[in-house]
Amino acid sequence: MQKTGQITRWDAERAFGFIRSPDSVADVFFHLRDFQGPAAPSMGMAVVFEEIHVGGKIGRASCRER
């Protein structure tokens, strides 16, 4: 299920960040390799995302710029 949110934290050196959404209880982790868009992720960017699970680890988001 697609959700909308906003990037609240972005660490360019480590290539990961977090998305906050009114549709999620907690902020959702995402990695640069799971991001699609013409621009690099940045704080405050509006995104559309789906929560995914990889290898039994904590959930993360596959997202794109909205």
C-alpha atoms as a PDB file:
ATOM      1  CA  MET A   1       0.000   0.000   0.000  1.00  0.00           C
ATOM      2  CA  GLN A   2       1.438   3.351  -1.014  1.00  0.00           C
ATOM      3  CA  LYS A   3       1.745   6.050   1.611  1.00  0.00           C
ATOM      4  CA  THR A   4       2.825   9.669   1.468  1.00  0.00           C
ATOM      5  CA  GLY A   5       5.310  11.318   3.759  1.00  0.00           C
ATOM      6  CA  GLN A   6       8.203  13.692   4.145  1.00  0.00           C
ATOM      7  CA  ILE A   7      11.922  13.063   4.628  1.00  0.00           C
ATOM      8  CA  THR A   8      12.706  14.157   8.179  1.00  0.00           C
ATOM      9  CA  ARG A   9      16.335  13.019   8.365  1.00  0.00           C
ATOM     10  CA  TRP A  10      18.915  12.472   5.615  1.00  0.00           C
ATOM     11  CA  ASP A  11      22.585  11.475   6.039  1.00  0.00           C
ATOM     12  CA  ALA A  12      24.262  11.888   2.626  1.00  0.00           C
ATOM     13  CA  GLU A  13      27.585  10.427   3.825  1.00  0.00           C
ATOM     14  CA  ARG A  14      25.941   7.194   4.947  1.00  0.00           C
ATOM     15  CA  ALA A  15      23.232   7.275   2.221  1.00  0.00           C
ATOM     16  CA  PHE A  16      20.197   6.716   4.427  1.00  0.00           C
ATOM     17  CA  GLY A  17      17.366   8.633   6.001  1.00  0.00           C
ATOM     18  CA  PHE A  18      13.925   8.477   7.583  1.00  0.00           C
ATOM     19  CA  ILE A  19      10.426   9.304   6.374  1.00  0.00           C
ATOM     20  CA  ARG A  20       7.600  10.557   8.587  1.00  0.00           C
ATOM     21  CA  SER A  21       4.041   9.833   7.548  1.00  0.00           C
ATOM     22  CA  PRO A  22       0.659  10.271   9.241  1.00  0.00           C
ATOM     23  CA  ASP A  23      -0.067   6.717   7.989  1.00  0.00           C
ATOM     24  CA  SER A  24       2.797   5.133  10.000  1.00  0.00           C
ATOM     25  CA  VAL A  25       3.274   4.803  13.740  1.00  0.00           C
ATOM     26  CA  ALA A  26       7.039   5.457  13.592  1.00  0.00           C
ATOM     27  CA  ASP A  27       9.473   7.035  11.155  1.00  0.00           C
ATOM     28  CA  VAL A  28      10.399   4.637   8.342  1.00  0.00           C
ATOM     29  CA  PHE A  29      14.041   3.976   7.364  1.00  0.00           C
ATOM     30  CA  PHE A  30      15.113   4.163   3.703  1.00  0.00           C
ATOM     31  CA  HIS A  31      18.424   3.699   1.902  1.00  0.00           C
ATOM     32  CA  LEU A  32      19.555   5.568  -1.194  1.00  0.00           C
ATOM     33  CA  ARG A  33      19.382   2.348  -3.255  1.00  0.00           C
ATOM     34  CA  ASP A  34      15.620   2.220  -2.491  1.00  0.00           C
ATOM     35  CA  PHE A  35      15.036   5.815  -3.645  1.00  0.00           C
ATOM     36  CA  GLN A  36      13.910   6.797  -7.147  1.00  0.00           C
ATOM     37  CA  GLY A  37      13.891  10.340  -8.393  1.00  0.00           C
ATOM     38  CA  PRO A  38      15.608  12.896 -10.568  1.00  0.00           C
ATOM     39  CA  ALA A  39      17.016  14.735  -7.529  1.00  0.00           C
ATOM     40  CA  ALA A  40      18.934  13.446  -4.523  1.00  0.00           C
ATOM     41  CA  PRO A  41      16.925  12.935  -1.319  1.00  0.00           C
ATOM     42  CA  SER A  42      16.834  15.971   0.968  1.00  0.00           C
ATOM     43  CA  MET A  43      15.269  17.075   4.239  1.00  0.00           C
ATOM     44  CA  GLY A  44      11.648  18.133   3.784  1.00  0.00           C
ATOM     45  CA  MET A  45      11.222  16.413   0.402  1.00  0.00           C
ATOM     46  CA  ALA A  46       7.709  15.007  -0.127  1.00  0.00           C
ATOM     47  CA  VAL A  47       7.760  11.313  -1.090  1.00  0.00           C
ATOM     48  CA  VAL A  48       5.481   8.423  -1.936  1.00  0.00           C
ATOM     49  CA  PHE A  49       6.611   5.112  -0.437  1.00  0.00           C
ATOM     50  CA  GLU A  50       5.818   1.502   0.339  1.00  0.00           C
ATOM     51  CA  GLU A  51       7.152  -0.326   3.368  1.00  0.00           C
ATOM     52  CA  ILE A  52       9.268  -3.351   2.396  1.00  0.00           C
ATOM     53  CA  HIS A  53      11.012  -6.074   4.395  1.00  0.00           C
ATOM     54  CA  VAL A  54      14.419  -7.348   3.340  1.00  0.00           C
ATOM     55  CA  GLY A  55      15.947 -10.506   4.813  1.00  0.00           C
ATOM     56  CA  GLY A  56      13.856 -10.471   7.987  1.00  0.00           C
ATOM     57  CA  LYS A  57      15.377  -7.153   9.058  1.00  0.00           C
ATOM     58  CA  ILE A  58      13.530  -4.116  10.326  1.00  0.00           C
ATOM     59  CA  GLY A  59      11.127  -2.668   7.773  1.00  0.00           C
ATOM     60  CA  ARG A  60      12.254   0.007   5.392  1.00  0.00           C
ATOM     61  CA  ALA A  61      10.776   2.061   2.576  1.00  0.00           C
ATOM     62  CA  SER A  62      11.035   1.932  -1.176  1.00  0.00           C
ATOM     63  CA  CYS A  63      10.291   5.509  -2.163  1.00  0.00           C
ATOM     64  CA  ARG A  64      10.199   8.109  -4.871  1.00  0.00           C
ATOM     65  CA  GLU A  65       9.865  11.860  -5.003  1.00  0.00           C
ATOM     66  CA  ARG A  66       6.252  12.993  -4.974  1.00  0.00           C
END
